N, C-alpha and C. Protein backbone atom coordinates (compact mmCIF):
# COMPACT_ATOMS: atom_id res chain seq x y z
N MET A 1 139.23 -99.28 21.61
CA MET A 1 139.45 -98.68 21.53
C MET A 1 140.57 -98.24 20.32
N LYS A 2 140.44 -97.47 19.40
CA LYS A 2 140.67 -96.76 17.45
C LYS A 2 141.96 -96.28 18.08
N LYS A 3 143.40 -97.28 16.68
CA LYS A 3 144.07 -96.62 17.09
C LYS A 3 144.29 -95.19 16.33
N GLN A 4 144.45 -94.23 16.88
CA GLN A 4 145.14 -92.57 15.68
C GLN A 4 145.80 -92.85 14.39
N GLN A 5 145.47 -93.02 13.55
CA GLN A 5 146.03 -91.86 12.13
C GLN A 5 147.39 -91.45 12.29
N PRO A 6 148.71 -91.68 11.31
CA PRO A 6 149.64 -90.96 11.91
C PRO A 6 149.43 -89.88 10.75
N ASP A 7 149.39 -88.03 11.01
CA ASP A 7 148.80 -87.16 9.98
C ASP A 7 150.63 -86.77 9.46
N LEU A 8 150.40 -86.95 8.13
CA LEU A 8 150.64 -86.86 6.80
C LEU A 8 151.71 -85.56 6.96
N ASN A 9 150.05 -84.71 6.57
CA ASN A 9 150.66 -83.41 6.49
C ASN A 9 151.33 -82.73 6.84
N ARG A 10 151.63 -83.05 8.87
CA ARG A 10 152.12 -82.34 9.72
C ARG A 10 154.04 -83.01 9.47
N ARG A 11 153.72 -84.41 9.05
CA ARG A 11 155.03 -84.83 8.49
C ARG A 11 155.92 -84.48 7.42
N SER A 12 154.82 -84.29 6.52
CA SER A 12 155.56 -83.48 5.42
C SER A 12 156.04 -82.46 5.61
N LEU A 13 155.02 -81.65 6.30
CA LEU A 13 155.77 -79.88 6.62
C LEU A 13 157.19 -80.35 7.50
N LEU A 14 156.83 -80.79 8.14
CA LEU A 14 158.16 -81.01 9.69
C LEU A 14 159.70 -81.37 8.18
N LYS A 15 159.38 -82.79 7.17
CA LYS A 15 159.73 -82.63 6.47
C LYS A 15 160.45 -82.06 5.82
N ALA A 16 159.97 -81.55 5.04
CA ALA A 16 159.94 -79.87 4.53
C ALA A 16 160.63 -78.36 4.81
N LEU A 17 160.58 -78.48 5.89
CA LEU A 17 161.24 -77.81 7.04
C LEU A 17 162.75 -78.29 7.44
N THR A 18 163.02 -79.53 7.52
CA THR A 18 164.38 -80.27 8.41
C THR A 18 164.89 -79.93 6.44
N ILE A 19 164.29 -80.48 5.30
CA ILE A 19 165.20 -79.89 4.68
C ILE A 19 166.08 -78.52 4.22
N GLY A 20 165.23 -77.60 4.12
CA GLY A 20 165.22 -76.60 3.84
C GLY A 20 165.93 -76.17 4.67
N GLY A 21 165.89 -76.51 5.81
CA GLY A 21 167.34 -75.86 6.97
C GLY A 21 168.82 -76.21 6.57
N THR A 22 168.40 -77.91 6.05
CA THR A 22 169.86 -78.57 5.96
C THR A 22 170.26 -77.34 4.66
N ALA A 23 169.26 -77.33 3.66
CA ALA A 23 169.96 -77.43 2.32
C ALA A 23 170.80 -75.31 2.72
N SER A 24 170.26 -74.79 3.54
CA SER A 24 170.41 -73.00 3.98
C SER A 24 171.72 -72.99 5.23
N VAL A 25 171.56 -74.15 5.70
CA VAL A 25 173.13 -74.54 6.16
C VAL A 25 174.45 -74.49 5.53
N ALA A 26 173.97 -75.77 4.26
CA ALA A 26 174.69 -76.04 3.31
C ALA A 26 175.23 -74.84 2.47
N ILE A 27 173.97 -74.31 2.33
CA ILE A 27 174.53 -72.23 1.39
C ILE A 27 175.76 -72.14 1.60
N ALA A 28 175.03 -72.18 3.09
CA ALA A 28 176.06 -70.81 4.25
C ALA A 28 177.73 -71.52 4.42
N ALA A 29 177.56 -72.66 4.27
CA ALA A 29 179.19 -73.56 4.61
C ALA A 29 179.44 -73.35 3.79
N THR A 30 179.42 -73.21 2.81
CA THR A 30 179.72 -72.98 1.30
C THR A 30 180.64 -71.49 1.04
N GLY A 31 179.69 -70.60 1.80
CA GLY A 31 180.28 -69.20 1.39
C GLY A 31 179.40 -68.65 0.23
N VAL A 32 178.37 -68.96 -0.46
CA VAL A 32 178.26 -68.94 -1.50
C VAL A 32 176.50 -67.68 -1.35
N SER A 33 176.67 -66.58 -1.91
CA SER A 33 175.21 -65.49 -1.09
C SER A 33 174.13 -66.13 -2.03
N VAL A 34 173.56 -65.67 -2.32
CA VAL A 34 171.92 -65.42 -2.93
C VAL A 34 172.57 -64.90 -3.87
N ALA A 35 172.97 -63.79 -3.92
CA ALA A 35 173.39 -63.06 -5.15
C ALA A 35 174.11 -63.41 -5.81
N GLN A 36 175.08 -63.77 -5.64
CA GLN A 36 176.17 -64.76 -7.00
C GLN A 36 175.37 -65.92 -6.95
N ALA A 37 174.48 -66.97 -6.94
CA ALA A 37 174.27 -67.82 -6.90
C ALA A 37 172.81 -67.59 -8.17
N ASN A 38 172.80 -66.04 -8.25
CA ASN A 38 171.12 -65.13 -8.86
C ASN A 38 172.19 -64.20 -9.93
N GLU A 39 173.64 -64.29 -9.78
CA GLU A 39 173.64 -63.93 -10.35
C GLU A 39 173.68 -63.75 -12.18
N THR A 40 172.98 -62.49 -12.83
CA THR A 40 173.40 -62.52 -14.33
C THR A 40 173.90 -61.38 -15.03
N LYS A 41 173.96 -62.24 -16.32
CA LYS A 41 174.84 -60.97 -16.82
C LYS A 41 173.89 -59.84 -17.23
N VAL A 42 173.56 -58.62 -17.52
CA VAL A 42 173.11 -57.96 -18.73
C VAL A 42 173.34 -57.06 -19.76
N SER A 43 172.55 -57.19 -20.39
CA SER A 43 172.85 -57.11 -22.13
C SER A 43 173.34 -55.55 -22.42
N THR A 44 174.21 -55.17 -22.65
CA THR A 44 174.21 -53.91 -23.13
C THR A 44 173.53 -52.87 -24.52
N LYS A 45 173.29 -54.37 -24.91
CA LYS A 45 173.13 -53.91 -26.75
C LYS A 45 171.61 -53.45 -26.81
N ASN A 46 170.31 -53.43 -26.08
CA ASN A 46 169.26 -52.66 -25.81
C ASN A 46 169.46 -51.47 -25.38
N VAL A 47 169.33 -51.05 -26.09
CA VAL A 47 169.63 -49.41 -25.77
C VAL A 47 168.37 -48.68 -25.13
N ASP A 48 167.14 -49.04 -25.42
CA ASP A 48 165.88 -48.21 -25.04
C ASP A 48 165.50 -48.99 -23.57
N GLY A 49 165.82 -50.08 -23.77
CA GLY A 49 165.80 -50.26 -22.53
C GLY A 49 166.14 -50.51 -21.25
N TYR A 50 166.92 -51.25 -20.21
CA TYR A 50 167.28 -51.15 -19.08
C TYR A 50 169.01 -50.34 -19.69
N HIS A 51 169.66 -49.64 -18.31
CA HIS A 51 170.38 -49.16 -18.90
C HIS A 51 171.63 -49.34 -16.84
N GLU A 52 172.27 -49.84 -16.91
CA GLU A 52 173.28 -50.38 -15.67
C GLU A 52 174.39 -49.32 -15.61
N THR A 53 173.84 -48.15 -15.13
CA THR A 53 175.21 -46.83 -15.40
C THR A 53 176.11 -47.27 -13.96
N ALA A 54 176.96 -46.43 -13.61
CA ALA A 54 177.94 -46.33 -12.49
C ALA A 54 177.23 -46.06 -11.06
N HIS A 55 176.10 -45.53 -11.09
CA HIS A 55 175.06 -44.84 -10.02
C HIS A 55 174.24 -46.62 -9.21
N ILE A 56 173.74 -47.04 -10.33
CA ILE A 56 172.86 -48.41 -10.09
C ILE A 56 173.69 -49.49 -9.93
N ARG A 57 175.11 -49.91 -10.62
CA ARG A 57 176.39 -50.61 -10.06
C ARG A 57 176.41 -50.21 -8.80
N SER A 58 176.66 -49.06 -8.57
CA SER A 58 176.91 -49.19 -7.22
C SER A 58 175.88 -49.46 -5.97
N TYR A 59 174.93 -49.53 -6.79
CA TYR A 59 174.10 -49.53 -5.09
C TYR A 59 174.06 -51.05 -5.49
N TYR A 60 174.34 -52.02 -6.42
CA TYR A 60 174.15 -52.88 -6.41
C TYR A 60 175.61 -53.93 -5.72
N ASN A 61 176.13 -53.47 -5.76
CA ASN A 61 177.37 -53.29 -4.80
C ASN A 61 177.15 -53.59 -3.87
N SER A 62 176.61 -51.87 -3.32
CA SER A 62 176.51 -52.07 -1.29
C SER A 62 175.82 -53.19 -0.94
N LEU A 63 174.69 -53.60 -1.76
CA LEU A 63 173.82 -54.65 -1.04
C LEU A 63 174.40 -56.14 -1.19
N ARG A 64 174.94 -56.47 -1.96
CA ARG A 64 176.30 -57.61 -1.38
C ARG A 64 177.20 -57.01 -1.08
N GLY A 65 177.19 -56.36 0.24
CA GLY A 65 178.59 -56.10 0.59
C GLY A 65 178.55 -56.32 1.83
């Protein structure tokens, strides 16, 4: 009788899911939200492009909340 070889693809998937779950629990435990982790400063010097106005800021704040 031939011995079955372990399925390494399945093991790596399970390992990745475990690590991802652990990372999400760690982020939740520290109280850091994704919005805070990825928050960047918007440049106000470029007058031709993106403008962050009061109503846009209030919309962004509503998403955080």
